[in-house]
C-alpha atoms as a PDB file:
ATOM      1  CA  UNK A   1     -24.953  46.269 -50.211  1.00  0.00           C
ATOM      2  CA  UNK A   2     -26.320  42.861 -48.630  1.00  0.00           C
ATOM      3  CA  UNK A   3     -26.545  41.469 -52.193  1.00  0.00           C
ATOM      4  CA  UNK A   4     -23.289  42.699 -53.431  1.00  0.00           C
ATOM      5  CA  UNK A   5     -21.539  39.175 -53.128  1.00  0.00           C
ATOM      6  CA  UNK A   6     -24.711  37.051 -53.480  1.00  0.00           C
ATOM      7  CA  UNK A   7     -23.986  34.979 -56.406  1.00  0.00           C
ATOM      8  CA  UNK A   8     -20.951  34.416 -58.920  1.00  0.00           C
ATOM      9  CA  UNK A   9     -21.994  37.500 -61.070  1.00  0.00           C
ATOM     10  CA  UNK A  10     -22.374  39.795 -58.352  1.00  0.00           C
ATOM     11  CA  UNK A  11     -19.046  38.574 -56.628  1.00  0.00           C
ATOM     12  CA  UNK A  12     -17.197  39.244 -59.827  1.00  0.00           C
ATOM     13  CA  UNK A  13     -18.775  42.623 -60.213  1.00  0.00           C
ATOM     14  CA  UNK A  14     -17.778  43.372 -56.518  1.00  0.00           C
ATOM     15  CA  UNK A  15     -14.384  42.210 -57.109  1.00  0.00           C
ATOM     16  CA  UNK A  16     -13.868  43.905 -60.593  1.00  0.00           C
ATOM     17  CA  UNK A  17     -13.253  40.483 -62.187  1.00  0.00           C
ATOM     18  CA  UNK A  18     -14.148  40.530 -65.967  1.00  0.00           C
ATOM     19  CA  UNK A  19     -13.845  38.109 -68.808  1.00  0.00           C
ATOM     20  CA  UNK A  20     -10.481  39.217 -69.303  1.00  0.00           C
ATOM     21  CA  UNK A  21      -9.644  37.187 -66.108  1.00  0.00           C
ATOM     22  CA  UNK A  22     -10.953  33.996 -67.595  1.00  0.00           C
ATOM     23  CA  UNK A  23      -8.346  31.063 -67.103  1.00  0.00           C
ATOM     24  CA  UNK A  24      -6.067  33.102 -65.121  1.00  0.00           C
ATOM     25  CA  UNK A  25      -4.469  31.288 -62.161  1.00  0.00           C
ATOM     26  CA  UNK A  26      -5.968  32.557 -58.692  1.00  0.00           C
ATOM     27  CA  UNK A  27      -2.332  32.344 -56.840  1.00  0.00           C
ATOM     28  CA  UNK A  28      -0.789  34.884 -59.231  1.00  0.00           C
ATOM     29  CA  UNK A  29      -1.097  38.501 -59.945  1.00  0.00           C
ATOM     30  CA  UNK A  30      -3.692  40.218 -60.558  1.00  0.00           C
ATOM     31  CA  UNK A  31      -5.136  38.210 -57.738  1.00  0.00           C
ATOM     32  CA  UNK A  32      -3.968  37.773 -54.394  1.00  0.00           C
ATOM     33  CA  UNK A  33      -5.058  35.296 -51.697  1.00  0.00           C
ATOM     34  CA  UNK A  34      -4.366  36.048 -47.976  1.00  0.00           C
ATOM     35  CA  UNK A  35      -5.017  33.751 -44.970  1.00  0.00           C
ATOM     36  CA  UNK A  36      -7.795  34.462 -42.707  1.00  0.00           C
ATOM     37  CA  UNK A  37      -7.017  35.533 -39.035  1.00  0.00           C
ATOM     38  CA  UNK A  38      -9.205  32.927 -37.846  1.00  0.00           C
ATOM     39  CA  UNK A  39     -10.646  29.634 -39.393  1.00  0.00           C
ATOM     40  CA  UNK A  40     -13.838  30.291 -41.494  1.00  0.00           C
ATOM     41  CA  UNK A  41     -16.901  28.179 -40.505  1.00  0.00           C
ATOM     42  CA  UNK A  42     -18.230  26.957 -44.044  1.00  0.00           C
ATOM     43  CA  UNK A  43     -21.464  25.508 -44.842  1.00  0.00           C
ATOM     44  CA  UNK A  44     -22.753  23.970 -47.935  1.00  0.00           C
ATOM     45  CA  UNK A  45     -26.203  23.042 -49.244  1.00  0.00           C
ATOM     46  CA  UNK A  46     -28.139  22.427 -52.607  1.00  0.00           C
ATOM     47  CA  UNK A  47     -27.751  24.840 -55.581  1.00  0.00           C
ATOM     48  CA  UNK A  48     -30.411  27.239 -56.289  1.00  0.00           C
ATOM     49  CA  UNK A  49     -31.796  29.084 -59.297  1.00  0.00           C
ATOM     50  CA  UNK A  50     -30.968  26.200 -61.641  1.00  0.00           C
ATOM     51  CA  UNK A  51     -32.958  23.054 -63.027  1.00  0.00           C
ATOM     52  CA  UNK A  52     -30.115  20.528 -63.824  1.00  0.00           C
ATOM     53  CA  UNK A  53     -28.149  19.145 -60.854  1.00  0.00           C
ATOM     54  CA  UNK A  54     -29.819  21.207 -58.271  1.00  0.00           C
ATOM     55  CA  UNK A  55     -29.695  18.665 -55.881  1.00  0.00           C
ATOM     56  CA  UNK A  56     -25.691  18.574 -55.686  1.00  0.00           C
ATOM     57  CA  UNK A  57     -24.152  20.150 -52.468  1.00  0.00           C
ATOM     58  CA  UNK A  58     -22.366  22.752 -54.585  1.00  0.00           C
ATOM     59  CA  UNK A  59     -23.267  25.864 -52.958  1.00  0.00           C
ATOM     60  CA  UNK A  60     -20.957  27.093 -50.249  1.00  0.00           C
ATOM     61  CA  UNK A  61     -20.974  30.201 -47.810  1.00  0.00           C
ATOM     62  CA  UNK A  62     -19.867  31.294 -44.564  1.00  0.00           C
ATOM     63  CA  UNK A  63     -22.010  29.975 -41.618  1.00  0.00           C
ATOM     64  CA  UNK A  64     -24.475  32.775 -40.568  1.00  0.00           C
ATOM     65  CA  UNK A  65     -23.504  35.243 -43.519  1.00  0.00           C
ATOM     66  CA  UNK A  66     -25.986  37.922 -44.420  1.00  0.00           C
ATOM     67  CA  UNK A  67     -24.435  38.234 -47.897  1.00  0.00           C
ATOM     68  CA  UNK A  68     -26.048  35.169 -49.375  1.00  0.00           C
ATOM     69  CA  UNK A  69     -28.980  35.639 -51.695  1.00  0.00           C
ATOM     70  CA  UNK A  70     -30.912  32.998 -50.023  1.00  0.00           C
ATOM     71  CA  UNK A  71     -30.087  31.298 -46.794  1.00  0.00           C
ATOM     72  CA  UNK A  72     -28.133  28.053 -46.804  1.00  0.00           C
ATOM     73  CA  UNK A  73     -30.374  24.876 -46.388  1.00  0.00           C
ATOM     74  CA  UNK A  74     -28.590  21.357 -45.555  1.00  0.00           C
ATOM     75  CA  UNK A  75     -28.208  19.265 -48.654  1.00  0.00           C
END
């Protein structure tokens, strides 16, 4: 359960997003975006599991989330 949303592949699997959804806008059905009740504390860090552009801070997550494959470390 903890790793269900860790990484793009697992996140898509958890949300039942398939290749049929490629290119669809996120602000229209079948998707639905809703505001959070409270502002989210986001953190970012270097990408993991890749060899090219690994130093770019393009990895995002919720601060303190246990649903990350690896903890975020500062970029």
